[in-house]
Amino acid sequence: MPIATKYLFIVSMDVTKEKEALFNEVYDTEHVPLLLKVPGIRAVTRWKTEPAAFNLAGERKLLDGGSEPNYVALYELDSPDVLLSKEWAAAAEKGRWPAEVRPFTSNRRHVVRKMI
């Protein structure tokens, strides 16, 4: 689907194996719905690394993600200022995410990208 905004907030992370099912449940049923209520958040899509391969200069290259986080969420934003709003701060701390999921995540990365 086409991206409808000029900004993406990209959140990447790993989660411990024993909490992976809870991570996905809470992310899909609580965390994303809460953040989608924040003014200025237009859409959220989640991604997981999928092992693959490609050919480059006649050589097969494995695409396994290496040290990159396994999970990625793309938040379409009206503006990076959304991330500083009181609504964002409140939504990010609701539900089971802060206490039951976040402590079991690692290799976390956050970045905002602007469409060019």
C-alpha atoms as a PDB file:
ATOM      1  CA  MET A   1       0.000   0.000   0.000  1.00  0.00           C
ATOM      2  CA  PRO A   2       1.320   3.473  -0.756  1.00  0.00           C
ATOM      3  CA  ILE A   3       2.620   5.617   2.071  1.00  0.00           C
ATOM      4  CA  ALA A   4       0.301   8.572   2.591  1.00  0.00           C
ATOM      5  CA  THR A   5       2.513  10.768   4.788  1.00  0.00           C
ATOM      6  CA  LYS A   6       5.862  12.518   4.480  1.00  0.00           C
ATOM      7  CA  TYR A   7       7.332  10.958   7.636  1.00  0.00           C
ATOM      8  CA  LEU A   8       7.971   7.436   8.897  1.00  0.00           C
ATOM      9  CA  PHE A   9       8.873   6.544  12.462  1.00  0.00           C
ATOM     10  CA  ILE A  10      10.671   3.210  12.212  1.00  0.00           C
ATOM     11  CA  VAL A  11      10.867   1.105  15.360  1.00  0.00           C
ATOM     12  CA  SER A  12      12.912  -2.100  15.258  1.00  0.00           C
ATOM     13  CA  MET A  13      13.587  -4.676  17.965  1.00  0.00           C
ATOM     14  CA  ASP A  14      14.088  -8.267  18.950  1.00  0.00           C
ATOM     15  CA  VAL A  15      12.130 -10.126  21.620  1.00  0.00           C
ATOM     16  CA  THR A  16      13.049 -13.144  23.717  1.00  0.00           C
ATOM     17  CA  LYS A  17      11.693 -16.411  22.287  1.00  0.00           C
ATOM     18  CA  GLU A  18       9.626 -17.189  25.378  1.00  0.00           C
ATOM     19  CA  LYS A  19       7.768 -13.852  25.071  1.00  0.00           C
ATOM     20  CA  GLU A  20       7.370 -13.796  21.265  1.00  0.00           C
ATOM     21  CA  ALA A  21       3.706 -14.903  21.242  1.00  0.00           C
ATOM     22  CA  LEU A  22       2.815 -12.331  23.913  1.00  0.00           C
ATOM     23  CA  PHE A  23       4.834  -9.668  22.057  1.00  0.00           C
ATOM     24  CA  ASN A  24       2.854 -10.213  18.848  1.00  0.00           C
ATOM     25  CA  GLU A  25      -0.509 -10.430  20.604  1.00  0.00           C
ATOM     26  CA  VAL A  26       0.006  -7.243  22.616  1.00  0.00           C
ATOM     27  CA  TYR A  27       1.536  -5.335  19.700  1.00  0.00           C
ATOM     28  CA  ASP A  28      -1.389  -6.192  17.399  1.00  0.00           C
ATOM     29  CA  THR A  29      -4.322  -6.022  19.821  1.00  0.00           C
ATOM     30  CA  GLU A  30      -3.260  -3.261  22.247  1.00  0.00           C
ATOM     31  CA  HIS A  31      -0.147  -1.276  21.357  1.00  0.00           C
ATOM     32  CA  VAL A  32      -0.911  -0.465  17.721  1.00  0.00           C
ATOM     33  CA  PRO A  33      -4.622   0.313  18.308  1.00  0.00           C
ATOM     34  CA  LEU A  34      -3.712   2.671  21.176  1.00  0.00           C
ATOM     35  CA  LEU A  35      -1.076   4.483  19.103  1.00  0.00           C
ATOM     36  CA  LEU A  36      -3.419   4.763  16.103  1.00  0.00           C
ATOM     37  CA  LYS A  37      -5.696   6.921  18.285  1.00  0.00           C
ATOM     38  CA  VAL A  38      -2.911   9.514  18.623  1.00  0.00           C
ATOM     39  CA  PRO A  39      -3.590  12.551  16.407  1.00  0.00           C
ATOM     40  CA  GLY A  40      -1.102  12.584  13.546  1.00  0.00           C
ATOM     41  CA  ILE A  41      -0.557   8.802  13.362  1.00  0.00           C
ATOM     42  CA  ARG A  42      -2.053   7.705  10.035  1.00  0.00           C
ATOM     43  CA  ALA A  43      -1.095   4.039   9.763  1.00  0.00           C
ATOM     44  CA  VAL A  44       1.067   1.331  11.268  1.00  0.00           C
ATOM     45  CA  THR A  45       2.461  -1.713   9.502  1.00  0.00           C
ATOM     46  CA  ARG A  46       4.501  -4.450  11.129  1.00  0.00           C
ATOM     47  CA  TRP A  47       7.202  -6.548   9.515  1.00  0.00           C
ATOM     48  CA  LYS A  48       9.303  -9.567  10.481  1.00  0.00           C
ATOM     49  CA  THR A  49      12.588 -10.634   8.895  1.00  0.00           C
ATOM     50  CA  GLU A  50      12.133 -13.365   6.307  1.00  0.00           C
ATOM     51  CA  PRO A  51      15.259 -15.260   5.290  1.00  0.00           C
ATOM     52  CA  ALA A  52      15.909 -15.084   1.556  1.00  0.00           C
ATOM     53  CA  ALA A  53      18.742 -14.832  -0.944  1.00  0.00           C
ATOM     54  CA  PHE A  54      19.629 -12.819  -4.027  1.00  0.00           C
ATOM     55  CA  ASN A  55      22.266 -12.802  -6.715  1.00  0.00           C
ATOM     56  CA  LEU A  56      24.799  -9.985  -6.911  1.00  0.00           C
ATOM     57  CA  ALA A  57      27.586  -9.979  -9.469  1.00  0.00           C
ATOM     58  CA  GLY A  58      27.047 -13.680 -10.111  1.00  0.00           C
ATOM     59  CA  GLU A  59      27.275 -14.607  -6.427  1.00  0.00           C
ATOM     60  CA  ARG A  60      24.440 -15.847  -4.224  1.00  0.00           C
ATOM     61  CA  LYS A  61      24.050 -13.682  -1.110  1.00  0.00           C
ATOM     62  CA  LEU A  62      22.087 -14.778   1.945  1.00  0.00           C
ATOM     63  CA  LEU A  63      19.631 -12.273   3.390  1.00  0.00           C
ATOM     64  CA  ASP A  64      19.109 -13.309   6.992  1.00  0.00           C
ATOM     65  CA  GLY A  65      19.095  -9.884   8.649  1.00  0.00           C
ATOM     66  CA  GLY A  66      22.463 -10.379  10.309  1.00  0.00           C
ATOM     67  CA  SER A  67      22.522  -8.322  13.487  1.00  0.00           C
ATOM     68  CA  GLU A  68      19.488  -6.272  12.441  1.00  0.00           C
ATOM     69  CA  PRO A  69      16.408  -6.535  14.672  1.00  0.00           C
ATOM     70  CA  ASN A  70      13.903  -9.208  13.702  1.00  0.00           C
ATOM     71  CA  TYR A  71      10.765  -7.043  14.036  1.00  0.00           C
ATOM     72  CA  VAL A  72      10.056  -3.650  12.459  1.00  0.00           C
ATOM     73  CA  ALA A  73       7.043  -1.350  12.807  1.00  0.00           C
ATOM     74  CA  LEU A  74       6.499   1.537  10.388  1.00  0.00           C
ATOM     75  CA  TYR A  75       4.425   4.396  11.781  1.00  0.00           C
ATOM     76  CA  GLU A  76       3.194   6.899   9.194  1.00  0.00           C
ATOM     77  CA  LEU A  77       3.319  10.356  10.811  1.00  0.00           C
ATOM     78  CA  ASP A  78       1.991  13.763   9.826  1.00  0.00           C
ATOM     79  CA  SER A  79       5.029  15.267  11.553  1.00  0.00           C
ATOM     80  CA  PRO A  80       7.857  14.159  13.859  1.00  0.00           C
ATOM     81  CA  ASP A  81       6.258  16.471  16.465  1.00  0.00           C
ATOM     82  CA  VAL A  82       3.615  13.774  17.008  1.00  0.00           C
ATOM     83  CA  LEU A  83       6.240  11.790  18.918  1.00  0.00           C
ATOM     84  CA  LEU A  84       6.567  14.625  21.449  1.00  0.00           C
ATOM     85  CA  SER A  85       2.837  14.950  22.094  1.00  0.00           C
ATOM     86  CA  LYS A  86       1.239  14.155  25.427  1.00  0.00           C
ATOM     87  CA  GLU A  87      -1.126  11.813  23.566  1.00  0.00           C
ATOM     88  CA  TRP A  88       1.791   9.778  22.207  1.00  0.00           C
ATOM     89  CA  ALA A  89       3.472   9.637  25.623  1.00  0.00           C
ATOM     90  CA  ALA A  90       0.272   8.450  27.292  1.00  0.00           C
ATOM     91  CA  ALA A  91      -0.619   5.859  24.633  1.00  0.00           C
ATOM     92  CA  ALA A  92       2.885   4.358  24.641  1.00  0.00           C
ATOM     93  CA  GLU A  93       2.581   3.597  28.379  1.00  0.00           C
ATOM     94  CA  LYS A  94      -0.890   2.002  28.358  1.00  0.00           C
ATOM     95  CA  GLY A  95      -1.825  -1.642  28.369  1.00  0.00           C
ATOM     96  CA  ARG A  96       0.494  -4.591  28.952  1.00  0.00           C
ATOM     97  CA  TRP A  97       3.295  -3.254  26.728  1.00  0.00           C
ATOM     98  CA  PRO A  98       5.344  -1.312  29.331  1.00  0.00           C
ATOM     99  CA  ALA A  99       5.466  -3.968  32.051  1.00  0.00           C
ATOM    100  CA  GLU A 100       4.912  -7.311  30.337  1.00  0.00           C
ATOM    101  CA  VAL A 101       6.553  -6.866  26.925  1.00  0.00           C
ATOM    102  CA  ARG A 102       9.045  -3.981  26.732  1.00  0.00           C
ATOM    103  CA  PRO A 103      11.411  -5.497  29.356  1.00  0.00           C
ATOM    104  CA  PHE A 104      11.839  -8.553  27.106  1.00  0.00           C
ATOM    105  CA  THR A 105      12.818  -6.588  24.010  1.00  0.00           C
ATOM    106  CA  SER A 106      16.376  -5.804  22.936  1.00  0.00           C
ATOM    107  CA  ASN A 107      18.390  -4.484  20.007  1.00  0.00           C
ATOM    108  CA  ARG A 108      15.903  -1.594  19.867  1.00  0.00           C
ATOM    109  CA  ARG A 109      16.303   1.070  17.211  1.00  0.00           C
ATOM    110  CA  HIS A 110      14.257   4.181  16.502  1.00  0.00           C
ATOM    111  CA  VAL A 111      14.580   6.523  13.551  1.00  0.00           C
ATOM    112  CA  VAL A 112      12.434   9.081  11.710  1.00  0.00           C
ATOM    113  CA  ARG A 113      12.706   9.260   7.923  1.00  0.00           C
ATOM    114  CA  LYS A 114      11.382  12.017   5.671  1.00  0.00           C
ATOM    115  CA  MET A 115      10.163  11.254   2.177  1.00  0.00           C
ATOM    116  CA  ILE A 116      12.301  12.896  -0.512  1.00  0.00           C
END
